[in-house]
Amino acid sequence: MEALIMQMIEAFKELSYFGIALALTLEFVPAELVLPLAGYWVYQGEMNLFGAILAGSIGGVLGPLTLYALGRYGGRVAILKFGKYFFIKEEHMDKSDQFFEKYGGAVAFLGRFIPGVRTAISIPCGIAKMSVWKFIIYTYLAMLPVTAVYVYLGYVLGPQWESAGEIFSQYANYLLIPIALLIIWMFVKKKKTKRTALID
């Protein structure tokens, strides 16, 4: 399967920056493969670093936007029927629903950093008919730093670009800890707001 995916990615390379964005639009193509490889292409002088990051960030929005649209126009029934084609299980949807109920629209940003939630979080955003522009902006802001790190690692590692995922996971906590603190702060703030509303 991975060999087939790699062949697809190499084929997308012929389309240059558009190919990077297109590859990431397909949810079954791992960004952990596409982005470091794009960095390697930068290392080879075939692409520009900032162009690759921009294309990767745009592709990182188009994929979730597909799931958002499926949730918005098809609802949970459509997700249960077609979710398997996006490697989304019902348990992923349940976690995402719970996360959305707690944090509202901000999950379009925060959910991208939570394992087991990051892919499916687009679905409850669509079902709740969250503003599509707000969804796009939040998703882009979340995808930009992750994309930049992966592409840069691929660029720095060069021929060893496949090590990027392992290196990223080692230092991911430096990115995830601030996000976790932000989530906790939002949760506490929401609880206080509800408590104040009940008192009033």
Protein backbone atom coordinates (compact mmCIF):
# COMPACT_ATOMS: atom_id res chain seq x y z
CA MET A 1 0.00 0.00 0.00
CA GLU A 2 2.78 2.43 0.97
CA ALA A 3 4.63 1.67 -2.29
CA LEU A 4 1.46 2.51 -4.25
CA ILE A 5 1.03 5.76 -2.33
CA MET A 6 4.68 6.69 -3.01
CA GLN A 7 4.12 6.10 -6.74
CA MET A 8 1.09 8.40 -6.59
CA ILE A 9 3.07 11.10 -4.80
CA GLU A 10 5.87 10.88 -7.38
CA ALA A 11 3.24 11.26 -10.11
CA PHE A 12 1.83 14.35 -8.37
CA LYS A 13 5.36 15.80 -8.41
CA GLU A 14 4.95 16.36 -12.15
CA LEU A 15 2.27 18.92 -11.27
CA SER A 16 4.74 20.84 -9.09
CA TYR A 17 3.16 22.88 -6.24
CA PHE A 18 -0.34 22.06 -7.42
CA GLY A 19 0.59 18.39 -7.14
CA ILE A 20 1.54 18.81 -3.45
CA ALA A 21 -1.81 20.45 -2.69
CA LEU A 22 -3.68 17.81 -4.70
CA ALA A 23 -1.93 14.91 -2.94
CA LEU A 24 -2.88 16.32 0.46
CA THR A 25 -6.49 16.73 -0.63
CA LEU A 26 -6.72 12.93 -0.70
CA GLU A 27 -7.20 12.04 2.96
CA PHE A 28 -5.72 8.55 2.56
CA VAL A 29 -2.35 10.01 1.48
CA PRO A 30 -0.38 10.69 4.70
CA ALA A 31 0.89 14.24 5.07
CA GLU A 32 3.82 12.70 7.01
CA LEU A 33 5.02 11.32 3.66
CA VAL A 34 4.09 14.13 1.29
CA LEU A 35 5.49 17.08 3.24
CA PRO A 36 9.00 15.80 4.07
CA LEU A 37 9.28 14.54 0.48
CA ALA A 38 8.34 18.02 -0.72
CA GLY A 39 11.15 19.31 1.51
CA TYR A 40 13.51 16.87 -0.19
CA TRP A 41 12.46 18.25 -3.57
CA VAL A 42 13.40 21.70 -2.23
CA TYR A 43 16.76 20.24 -1.17
CA GLN A 44 17.23 19.00 -4.75
CA GLY A 45 16.53 22.50 -6.05
CA GLU A 46 13.33 21.50 -7.82
CA MET A 47 11.06 23.67 -5.68
CA ASN A 48 11.13 26.76 -3.49
CA LEU A 49 10.88 26.25 0.30
CA PHE A 50 8.15 28.85 0.87
CA GLY A 51 6.23 27.71 -2.20
CA ALA A 52 6.23 24.11 -0.93
CA ILE A 53 5.04 25.22 2.53
CA LEU A 54 2.26 27.33 1.01
CA ALA A 55 1.12 24.51 -1.28
CA GLY A 56 1.22 22.05 1.62
CA SER A 57 -0.84 24.35 3.83
CA ILE A 58 -3.45 24.86 1.13
CA GLY A 59 -3.65 21.10 0.56
CA GLY A 60 -3.95 20.65 4.32
CA VAL A 61 -7.13 22.75 4.17
CA LEU A 62 -8.66 21.18 1.05
CA GLY A 63 -8.66 17.67 2.56
CA PRO A 64 -10.55 18.66 5.74
CA LEU A 65 -12.84 20.85 3.63
CA THR A 66 -14.01 17.71 1.81
CA LEU A 67 -15.04 16.13 5.13
CA TYR A 68 -16.61 19.41 6.24
CA ALA A 69 -18.78 19.42 3.10
CA LEU A 70 -19.72 15.77 3.62
CA GLY A 71 -20.82 16.57 7.18
CA ARG A 72 -22.66 19.75 6.19
CA TYR A 73 -24.59 18.37 3.21
CA GLY A 74 -24.77 14.67 4.03
CA GLY A 75 -24.97 14.63 7.83
CA ARG A 76 -24.00 11.79 10.13
CA VAL A 77 -25.81 9.21 7.97
CA ALA A 78 -23.58 10.01 4.98
CA ILE A 79 -20.47 9.86 7.18
CA LEU A 80 -21.40 6.43 8.51
CA LYS A 81 -21.91 5.27 4.93
CA PHE A 82 -18.88 6.85 3.25
CA GLY A 83 -16.51 7.47 6.16
CA LYS A 84 -14.65 4.21 5.54
CA TYR A 85 -13.33 5.65 2.28
CA PHE A 86 -11.64 8.38 4.35
CA PHE A 87 -10.41 5.89 6.99
CA ILE A 88 -12.81 7.37 9.55
CA LYS A 89 -14.45 5.05 12.06
CA GLU A 90 -17.53 5.72 14.16
CA GLU A 91 -15.36 5.96 17.29
CA HIS A 92 -13.42 8.82 15.67
CA MET A 93 -16.70 10.59 14.98
CA ASP A 94 -17.88 10.11 18.57
CA LYS A 95 -14.65 11.61 19.96
CA SER A 96 -14.90 14.52 17.53
CA ASP A 97 -18.55 15.16 18.44
CA GLN A 98 -17.68 15.28 22.15
CA PHE A 99 -14.75 17.58 21.48
CA PHE A 100 -16.92 19.91 19.39
CA GLU A 101 -19.59 20.07 22.11
CA LYS A 102 -16.96 21.18 24.63
CA TYR A 103 -15.08 23.76 22.60
CA GLY A 104 -17.36 24.87 19.77
CA GLY A 105 -15.97 26.43 16.58
CA ALA A 106 -12.42 26.68 17.94
CA VAL A 107 -12.04 22.92 17.41
CA ALA A 108 -11.37 23.62 13.73
CA PHE A 109 -8.01 24.91 15.01
CA LEU A 110 -7.41 22.99 18.24
CA GLY A 111 -8.59 19.59 16.99
CA ARG A 112 -5.75 19.42 14.44
CA PHE A 113 -3.32 18.80 17.28
CA ILE A 114 -5.26 16.03 19.06
CA PRO A 115 -4.58 12.38 18.06
CA GLY A 116 -7.75 10.45 17.27
CA VAL A 117 -9.61 13.69 16.59
CA ARG A 118 -7.56 15.64 14.05
CA THR A 119 -8.96 14.00 10.91
CA ALA A 120 -12.60 13.58 11.88
CA ILE A 121 -12.99 17.00 13.59
CA SER A 122 -14.05 18.53 10.27
CA ILE A 123 -17.26 16.46 10.31
CA PRO A 124 -19.03 17.99 13.35
CA CYS A 125 -17.97 21.43 12.09
CA GLY A 126 -19.87 20.68 8.88
CA ILE A 127 -22.87 19.12 10.62
CA ALA A 128 -23.13 22.20 12.88
CA LYS A 129 -22.99 24.37 9.72
CA MET A 130 -20.06 26.37 11.07
CA SER A 131 -19.13 29.31 8.81
CA VAL A 132 -17.08 27.85 5.97
CA TRP A 133 -14.75 30.87 5.98
CA LYS A 134 -14.13 30.56 9.71
CA PHE A 135 -13.46 26.85 9.21
CA ILE A 136 -10.98 27.53 6.40
CA ILE A 137 -9.11 30.21 8.39
CA TYR A 138 -8.89 28.13 11.58
CA THR A 139 -7.78 25.05 9.67
CA TYR A 140 -5.15 26.98 7.71
CA LEU A 141 -3.72 28.55 10.85
CA ALA A 142 -3.43 25.10 12.42
CA MET A 143 -1.91 23.44 9.36
CA LEU A 144 0.66 26.15 8.56
CA PRO A 145 3.11 25.52 11.46
CA VAL A 146 2.89 21.72 11.16
CA THR A 147 3.39 21.92 7.39
CA ALA A 148 6.34 24.29 7.78
CA VAL A 149 8.09 21.97 10.26
CA TYR A 150 7.63 18.85 8.13
CA VAL A 151 8.76 20.53 4.89
CA TYR A 152 11.75 22.15 6.61
CA LEU A 153 12.79 18.83 8.14
CA GLY A 154 12.65 17.19 4.72
CA TYR A 155 14.77 20.02 3.33
CA VAL A 156 17.38 19.81 6.11
CA LEU A 157 17.55 16.01 6.13
CA GLY A 158 17.87 15.76 2.35
CA PRO A 159 18.25 12.09 1.29
CA GLN A 160 17.27 11.05 4.84
CA TRP A 161 13.89 12.83 4.55
CA GLU A 162 12.06 9.66 5.67
CA SER A 163 13.38 10.27 9.20
CA ALA A 164 11.33 13.48 9.44
CA GLY A 165 8.29 11.79 11.02
CA GLU A 166 10.35 10.21 13.78
CA ILE A 167 12.15 13.48 14.52
CA PHE A 168 8.90 15.43 14.50
CA SER A 169 7.32 13.03 16.99
CA GLN A 170 10.29 13.50 19.35
CA TYR A 171 9.79 17.25 19.49
CA ALA A 172 6.01 17.38 18.99
CA ASN A 173 5.45 18.01 22.70
CA TYR A 174 6.99 21.46 22.37
CA LEU A 175 4.15 22.22 19.98
CA LEU A 176 1.43 20.19 21.68
CA ILE A 177 1.97 21.37 25.28
CA PRO A 178 1.05 25.02 24.52
CA ILE A 179 -1.97 23.78 22.57
CA ALA A 180 -3.04 21.58 25.50
CA LEU A 181 -2.71 24.55 27.87
CA LEU A 182 -4.82 26.63 25.51
CA ILE A 183 -7.51 23.91 25.46
CA ILE A 184 -7.54 23.74 29.27
CA TRP A 185 -7.81 27.54 29.50
CA MET A 186 -10.74 27.57 27.03
CA PHE A 187 -12.49 24.78 28.94
CA VAL A 188 -12.14 26.61 32.27
CA LYS A 189 -13.28 29.88 30.70
CA LYS A 190 -16.37 28.21 29.19
CA LYS A 191 -17.28 26.63 32.54
CA LYS A 192 -16.97 30.01 34.27
CA THR A 193 -19.13 31.66 31.61
CA LYS A 194 -21.86 29.03 32.08
CA ARG A 195 -21.69 29.39 35.85
CA THR A 196 -22.00 33.18 35.58
CA ALA A 197 -24.97 32.85 33.23
CA LEU A 198 -26.74 30.55 35.68
CA ILE A 199 -26.17 32.96 38.57
CA ASP A 200 -27.49 35.88 36.54
